[in-house]
C-alpha atoms as a PDB file:
ATOM      1  CA  UNK A   1      26.739 -78.212  46.125  1.00  0.00           C
ATOM      2  CA  UNK A   2      27.438 -80.613  44.170  1.00  0.00           C
ATOM      3  CA  UNK A   3      26.497 -81.648  40.536  1.00  0.00           C
ATOM      4  CA  UNK A   4      23.682 -84.396  40.755  1.00  0.00           C
ATOM      5  CA  UNK A   5      22.123 -86.414  38.230  1.00  0.00           C
ATOM      6  CA  UNK A   6      19.189 -88.497  38.802  1.00  0.00           C
ATOM      7  CA  UNK A   7      18.416 -92.187  36.182  1.00  0.00           C
ATOM      8  CA  UNK A   8      15.365 -94.379  36.243  1.00  0.00           C
ATOM      9  CA  UNK A   9      15.188 -97.924  34.598  1.00  0.00           C
ATOM     10  CA  UNK A  10      11.989 -98.745  32.018  1.00  0.00           C
ATOM     11  CA  UNK A  11      10.675-101.218  34.257  1.00  0.00           C
ATOM     12  CA  UNK A  12       9.920 -98.387  37.100  1.00  0.00           C
ATOM     13  CA  UNK A  13       8.480 -96.309  34.553  1.00  0.00           C
ATOM     14  CA  UNK A  14       5.693 -98.928  33.538  1.00  0.00           C
ATOM     15  CA  UNK A  15       5.163-101.100  36.444  1.00  0.00           C
ATOM     16  CA  UNK A  16       3.637-101.034  39.714  1.00  0.00           C
ATOM     17  CA  UNK A  17       3.753-103.624  42.948  1.00  0.00           C
ATOM     18  CA  UNK A  18       0.044-104.522  41.253  1.00  0.00           C
ATOM     19  CA  UNK A  19       1.643-105.907  38.129  1.00  0.00           C
ATOM     20  CA  UNK A  20       3.236-109.040  40.410  1.00  0.00           C
ATOM     21  CA  UNK A  21       0.421-110.986  39.876  1.00  0.00           C
ATOM     22  CA  UNK A  22       1.103-110.758  36.369  1.00  0.00           C
ATOM     23  CA  UNK A  23       4.603-110.995  35.899  1.00  0.00           C
ATOM     24  CA  UNK A  24       5.640-112.577  38.796  1.00  0.00           C
ATOM     25  CA  UNK A  25       9.327-113.377  39.392  1.00  0.00           C
ATOM     26  CA  UNK A  26      10.516-111.787  36.070  1.00  0.00           C
ATOM     27  CA  UNK A  27      10.264-108.226  38.193  1.00  0.00           C
ATOM     28  CA  UNK A  28      12.088-108.914  40.859  1.00  0.00           C
ATOM     29  CA  UNK A  29      14.658-106.340  41.032  1.00  0.00           C
ATOM     30  CA  UNK A  30      16.340-104.171  43.398  1.00  0.00           C
ATOM     31  CA  UNK A  31      14.903-101.627  44.678  1.00  0.00           C
ATOM     32  CA  UNK A  32      11.359-103.398  44.200  1.00  0.00           C
ATOM     33  CA  UNK A  33       9.107-101.915  41.813  1.00  0.00           C
ATOM     34  CA  UNK A  34       6.405 -99.891  44.297  1.00  0.00           C
ATOM     35  CA  UNK A  35       3.129 -98.419  44.384  1.00  0.00           C
ATOM     36  CA  UNK A  36       1.307 -96.944  40.719  1.00  0.00           C
ATOM     37  CA  UNK A  37       1.323 -93.120  42.964  1.00  0.00           C
ATOM     38  CA  UNK A  38       5.599 -93.887  42.859  1.00  0.00           C
ATOM     39  CA  UNK A  39       5.579 -95.153  39.294  1.00  0.00           C
ATOM     40  CA  UNK A  40       3.744 -91.981  38.826  1.00  0.00           C
ATOM     41  CA  UNK A  41       6.026 -89.690  40.463  1.00  0.00           C
ATOM     42  CA  UNK A  42       9.058 -90.891  38.648  1.00  0.00           C
ATOM     43  CA  UNK A  43       7.265 -90.612  35.036  1.00  0.00           C
ATOM     44  CA  UNK A  44       6.324 -86.681  36.157  1.00  0.00           C
ATOM     45  CA  UNK A  45      10.119 -86.127  37.517  1.00  0.00           C
ATOM     46  CA  UNK A  46      11.256 -87.290  34.074  1.00  0.00           C
ATOM     47  CA  UNK A  47       8.717 -85.861  32.435  1.00  0.00           C
ATOM     48  CA  UNK A  48       9.258 -82.090  34.295  1.00  0.00           C
ATOM     49  CA  UNK A  49      13.249 -82.954  33.384  1.00  0.00           C
ATOM     50  CA  UNK A  50      14.426 -83.630  37.281  1.00  0.00           C
ATOM     51  CA  UNK A  51      15.061 -87.099  36.229  1.00  0.00           C
ATOM     52  CA  UNK A  52      17.542 -87.279  33.768  1.00  0.00           C
ATOM     53  CA  UNK A  53      18.572 -90.438  32.325  1.00  0.00           C
ATOM     54  CA  UNK A  54      16.899 -93.987  31.380  1.00  0.00           C
ATOM     55  CA  UNK A  55      19.522 -96.714  31.900  1.00  0.00           C
ATOM     56  CA  UNK A  56      18.720-100.171  31.679  1.00  0.00           C
ATOM     57  CA  UNK A  57      20.373-101.905  34.623  1.00  0.00           C
ATOM     58  CA  UNK A  58      20.243-104.694  32.588  1.00  0.00           C
ATOM     59  CA  UNK A  59      20.898-107.863  35.102  1.00  0.00           C
ATOM     60  CA  UNK A  60      19.508-111.016  33.161  1.00  0.00           C
ATOM     61  CA  UNK A  61      19.276-114.636  34.720  1.00  0.00           C
ATOM     62  CA  UNK A  62      18.474-117.714  33.340  1.00  0.00           C
ATOM     63  CA  UNK A  63      14.265-118.164  32.988  1.00  0.00           C
ATOM     64  CA  UNK A  64      14.912-121.296  35.489  1.00  0.00           C
ATOM     65  CA  UNK A  65      16.640-118.833  38.256  1.00  0.00           C
ATOM     66  CA  UNK A  66      13.617-116.598  38.173  1.00  0.00           C
ATOM     67  CA  UNK A  67      11.304-119.437  38.383  1.00  0.00           C
ATOM     68  CA  UNK A  68      12.141-119.951  41.928  1.00  0.00           C
ATOM     69  CA  UNK A  69       9.791-118.517  44.767  1.00  0.00           C
ATOM     70  CA  UNK A  70      10.005-114.627  45.254  1.00  0.00           C
ATOM     71  CA  UNK A  71      12.680-115.179  47.718  1.00  0.00           C
ATOM     72  CA  UNK A  72      14.652-117.379  46.433  1.00  0.00           C
ATOM     73  CA  UNK A  73      14.826-115.568  42.878  1.00  0.00           C
ATOM     74  CA  UNK A  74      17.652-113.750  42.057  1.00  0.00           C
ATOM     75  CA  UNK A  75      17.363-109.523  41.280  1.00  0.00           C
ATOM     76  CA  UNK A  76      17.483-108.782  37.646  1.00  0.00           C
ATOM     77  CA  UNK A  77      16.083-108.499  34.371  1.00  0.00           C
ATOM     78  CA  UNK A  78      16.743-108.174  31.061  1.00  0.00           C
ATOM     79  CA  UNK A  79      16.611-104.281  29.536  1.00  0.00           C
ATOM     80  CA  UNK A  80      18.989-103.941  26.531  1.00  0.00           C
ATOM     81  CA  UNK A  81      16.686-104.577  24.034  1.00  0.00           C
ATOM     82  CA  UNK A  82      13.510-103.327  25.561  1.00  0.00           C
ATOM     83  CA  UNK A  83      15.335 -99.923  26.613  1.00  0.00           C
ATOM     84  CA  UNK A  84      14.365 -97.621  23.493  1.00  0.00           C
ATOM     85  CA  UNK A  85      11.175 -98.777  22.202  1.00  0.00           C
ATOM     86  CA  UNK A  86       9.763 -98.525  25.971  1.00  0.00           C
ATOM     87  CA  UNK A  87      11.382 -95.040  26.191  1.00  0.00           C
ATOM     88  CA  UNK A  88      10.067 -93.922  22.703  1.00  0.00           C
ATOM     89  CA  UNK A  89       6.450 -95.098  23.753  1.00  0.00           C
ATOM     90  CA  UNK A  90       6.797 -93.162  27.134  1.00  0.00           C
ATOM     91  CA  UNK A  91       8.184 -89.920  24.873  1.00  0.00           C
ATOM     92  CA  UNK A  92       5.931 -90.159  22.777  1.00  0.00           C
ATOM     93  CA  UNK A  93       2.567 -90.197  25.514  1.00  0.00           C
ATOM     94  CA  UNK A  94       4.519 -87.532  27.192  1.00  0.00           C
ATOM     95  CA  UNK A  95       3.631 -85.329  24.196  1.00  0.00           C
ATOM     96  CA  UNK A  96       7.735 -85.498  22.563  1.00  0.00           C
ATOM     97  CA  UNK A  97       9.109 -88.157  20.878  1.00  0.00           C
ATOM     98  CA  UNK A  98      12.531 -86.648  21.212  1.00  0.00           C
ATOM     99  CA  UNK A  99      12.814 -87.039  24.520  1.00  0.00           C
ATOM    100  CA  UNK A 100      13.889 -90.374  24.330  1.00  0.00           C
ATOM    101  CA  UNK A 101      17.279 -90.009  22.708  1.00  0.00           C
ATOM    102  CA  UNK A 102      18.136 -87.350  25.578  1.00  0.00           C
ATOM    103  CA  UNK A 103      17.140 -89.515  28.066  1.00  0.00           C
ATOM    104  CA  UNK A 104      19.258 -92.521  26.993  1.00  0.00           C
ATOM    105  CA  UNK A 105      21.945 -90.832  24.600  1.00  0.00           C
ATOM    106  CA  UNK A 106      22.747 -87.443  25.285  1.00  0.00           C
ATOM    107  CA  UNK A 107      22.133 -86.959  28.908  1.00  0.00           C
ATOM    108  CA  UNK A 108      24.436 -89.888  29.847  1.00  0.00           C
ATOM    109  CA  UNK A 109      27.188 -89.202  27.594  1.00  0.00           C
ATOM    110  CA  UNK A 110      27.222 -86.128  28.762  1.00  0.00           C
ATOM    111  CA  UNK A 111      27.431 -87.408  32.384  1.00  0.00           C
ATOM    112  CA  UNK A 112      30.599 -89.687  31.258  1.00  0.00           C
ATOM    113  CA  UNK A 113      31.640 -86.943  29.447  1.00  0.00           C
ATOM    114  CA  UNK A 114      31.875 -88.166  26.243  1.00  0.00           C
ATOM    115  CA  UNK A 115      29.844 -85.161  24.576  1.00  0.00           C
ATOM    116  CA  UNK A 116      32.375 -84.614  22.717  1.00  0.00           C
ATOM    117  CA  UNK A 117      32.126 -88.280  20.409  1.00  0.00           C
ATOM    118  CA  UNK A 118      28.805 -89.618  21.350  1.00  0.00           C
ATOM    119  CA  UNK A 119      25.249 -89.117  22.719  1.00  0.00           C
ATOM    120  CA  UNK A 120      24.222 -87.205  19.483  1.00  0.00           C
ATOM    121  CA  UNK A 121      24.322 -87.264  15.897  1.00  0.00           C
ATOM    122  CA  UNK A 122      26.943 -84.682  14.806  1.00  0.00           C
ATOM    123  CA  UNK A 123      30.276 -84.363  12.367  1.00  0.00           C
ATOM    124  CA  UNK A 124      32.888 -85.737  14.174  1.00  0.00           C
ATOM    125  CA  UNK A 125      30.640 -87.948  16.616  1.00  0.00           C
ATOM    126  CA  UNK A 126      31.041 -91.972  16.509  1.00  0.00           C
ATOM    127  CA  UNK A 127      27.974 -92.285  14.163  1.00  0.00           C
ATOM    128  CA  UNK A 128      25.917 -95.017  16.600  1.00  0.00           C
ATOM    129  CA  UNK A 129      22.415 -94.454  15.316  1.00  0.00           C
ATOM    130  CA  UNK A 130      19.589 -96.422  16.054  1.00  0.00           C
ATOM    131  CA  UNK A 131      17.464 -96.559  12.887  1.00  0.00           C
ATOM    132  CA  UNK A 132      13.548 -96.856  14.413  1.00  0.00           C
ATOM    133  CA  UNK A 133      10.434 -98.660  12.680  1.00  0.00           C
ATOM    134  CA  UNK A 134       7.246 -96.211  14.332  1.00  0.00           C
ATOM    135  CA  UNK A 135       4.589 -98.456  12.281  1.00  0.00           C
ATOM    136  CA  UNK A 136       5.486-102.109  13.510  1.00  0.00           C
ATOM    137  CA  UNK A 137       5.116-102.925  17.457  1.00  0.00           C
ATOM    138  CA  UNK A 138       7.415-104.318  19.950  1.00  0.00           C
ATOM    139  CA  UNK A 139       5.639-107.222  21.515  1.00  0.00           C
ATOM    140  CA  UNK A 140       7.639-107.904  24.722  1.00  0.00           C
ATOM    141  CA  UNK A 141       7.180-111.531  25.027  1.00  0.00           C
ATOM    142  CA  UNK A 142       9.473-114.461  25.919  1.00  0.00           C
ATOM    143  CA  UNK A 143      10.070-115.278  22.408  1.00  0.00           C
ATOM    144  CA  UNK A 144      11.498-112.390  21.221  1.00  0.00           C
ATOM    145  CA  UNK A 145      13.852-111.978  23.870  1.00  0.00           C
ATOM    146  CA  UNK A 146      17.614-112.270  22.925  1.00  0.00           C
ATOM    147  CA  UNK A 147      19.453-111.934  26.707  1.00  0.00           C
ATOM    148  CA  UNK A 148      20.176-115.574  28.141  1.00  0.00           C
ATOM    149  CA  UNK A 149      16.622-114.133  30.473  1.00  0.00           C
ATOM    150  CA  UNK A 150      13.450-114.409  27.869  1.00  0.00           C
ATOM    151  CA  UNK A 151      11.262-113.245  30.674  1.00  0.00           C
ATOM    152  CA  UNK A 152      11.451-109.686  31.116  1.00  0.00           C
ATOM    153  CA  UNK A 153      10.128-107.353  33.699  1.00  0.00           C
ATOM    154  CA  UNK A 154       8.370-105.782  31.123  1.00  0.00           C
ATOM    155  CA  UNK A 155       6.441-109.313  29.743  1.00  0.00           C
ATOM    156  CA  UNK A 156       3.182-108.090  28.508  1.00  0.00           C
ATOM    157  CA  UNK A 157       3.651-104.713  27.399  1.00  0.00           C
ATOM    158  CA  UNK A 158       3.386-103.129  23.609  1.00  0.00           C
ATOM    159  CA  UNK A 159       5.628-100.434  22.834  1.00  0.00           C
ATOM    160  CA  UNK A 160       4.557 -98.433  19.283  1.00  0.00           C
ATOM    161  CA  UNK A 161       7.977 -98.126  18.203  1.00  0.00           C
ATOM    162  CA  UNK A 162      10.495-101.161  16.900  1.00  0.00           C
ATOM    163  CA  UNK A 163      14.167-100.861  16.857  1.00  0.00           C
ATOM    164  CA  UNK A 164      15.242-101.657  12.855  1.00  0.00           C
ATOM    165  CA  UNK A 165      18.814-101.378  12.182  1.00  0.00           C
ATOM    166  CA  UNK A 166      21.770-100.195  14.994  1.00  0.00           C
ATOM    167  CA  UNK A 167      24.677 -98.679  13.377  1.00  0.00           C
ATOM    168  CA  UNK A 168      27.755 -98.559  15.665  1.00  0.00           C
ATOM    169  CA  UNK A 169      30.559 -96.211  14.614  1.00  0.00           C
ATOM    170  CA  UNK A 170      28.882 -96.516  10.738  1.00  0.00           C
ATOM    171  CA  UNK A 171      28.802-100.238  10.658  1.00  0.00           C
ATOM    172  CA  UNK A 172      25.352-102.157  10.450  1.00  0.00           C
ATOM    173  CA  UNK A 173      25.460-104.537  13.376  1.00  0.00           C
ATOM    174  CA  UNK A 174      21.707-105.632  13.992  1.00  0.00           C
ATOM    175  CA  UNK A 175      18.507-105.259  11.567  1.00  0.00           C
ATOM    176  CA  UNK A 176      15.199-106.642  12.669  1.00  0.00           C
ATOM    177  CA  UNK A 177      16.679-108.426  15.981  1.00  0.00           C
ATOM    178  CA  UNK A 178      19.058-110.291  14.268  1.00  0.00           C
ATOM    179  CA  UNK A 179      22.645-109.801  14.702  1.00  0.00           C
ATOM    180  CA  UNK A 180      24.216-108.807  10.890  1.00  0.00           C
ATOM    181  CA  UNK A 181      27.182-107.186  11.698  1.00  0.00           C
ATOM    182  CA  UNK A 182      29.988-108.045  14.140  1.00  0.00           C
ATOM    183  CA  UNK A 183      30.325-105.466  16.911  1.00  0.00           C
ATOM    184  CA  UNK A 184      33.841-104.342  18.121  1.00  0.00           C
ATOM    185  CA  UNK A 185      34.342-102.189  21.245  1.00  0.00           C
ATOM    186  CA  UNK A 186      36.977 -99.907  21.968  1.00  0.00           C
ATOM    187  CA  UNK A 187      38.366 -97.611  24.940  1.00  0.00           C
ATOM    188  CA  UNK A 188      36.363 -94.439  24.934  1.00  0.00           C
ATOM    189  CA  UNK A 189      37.892 -92.062  27.071  1.00  0.00           C
ATOM    190  CA  UNK A 190      36.238 -88.936  28.693  1.00  0.00           C
ATOM    191  CA  UNK A 191      36.747 -85.616  27.520  1.00  0.00           C
ATOM    192  CA  UNK A 192      37.021 -84.440  31.128  1.00  0.00           C
ATOM    193  CA  UNK A 193      39.181 -86.013  34.044  1.00  0.00           C
END
């Protein structure tokens, strides 16, 4: 058979259709967020390794666009800023906080054929590193969001971890939610064709 990979997003691991009354159109995404049973099945799939990747599906819109009716509001939510804290919290609840870096770094690097330079901390790899403070909470609120959309699908949730510093190829680019360096991209080619 052909290789198969499965991924999900934090909103599907933390929310269910019952949260719509609290979150509103900020949680309108595609595919739609389903029942608590569906959410629990995704968490179980991640816990058992059937699902190996948690990605953002980062698709922000303006707050004004998302304030429309459910039928008119565009689908999408910001996801980059809350990805790691939400995954660390879930991994902690599942009993192994070290699952989070595998879900968001190691497994995606392998899938993309970048396992020789990305996805782990090792000599010769790009030093793309996130330093986390496990004693500070991430409180998902509009006022902390740096995306063009301040109302995240995860609004109102609290995660027991906070991103302290972000390094890109060994250079500090962010500290405590503020940009401190200049991020610069470069073409990264997969190890396989």
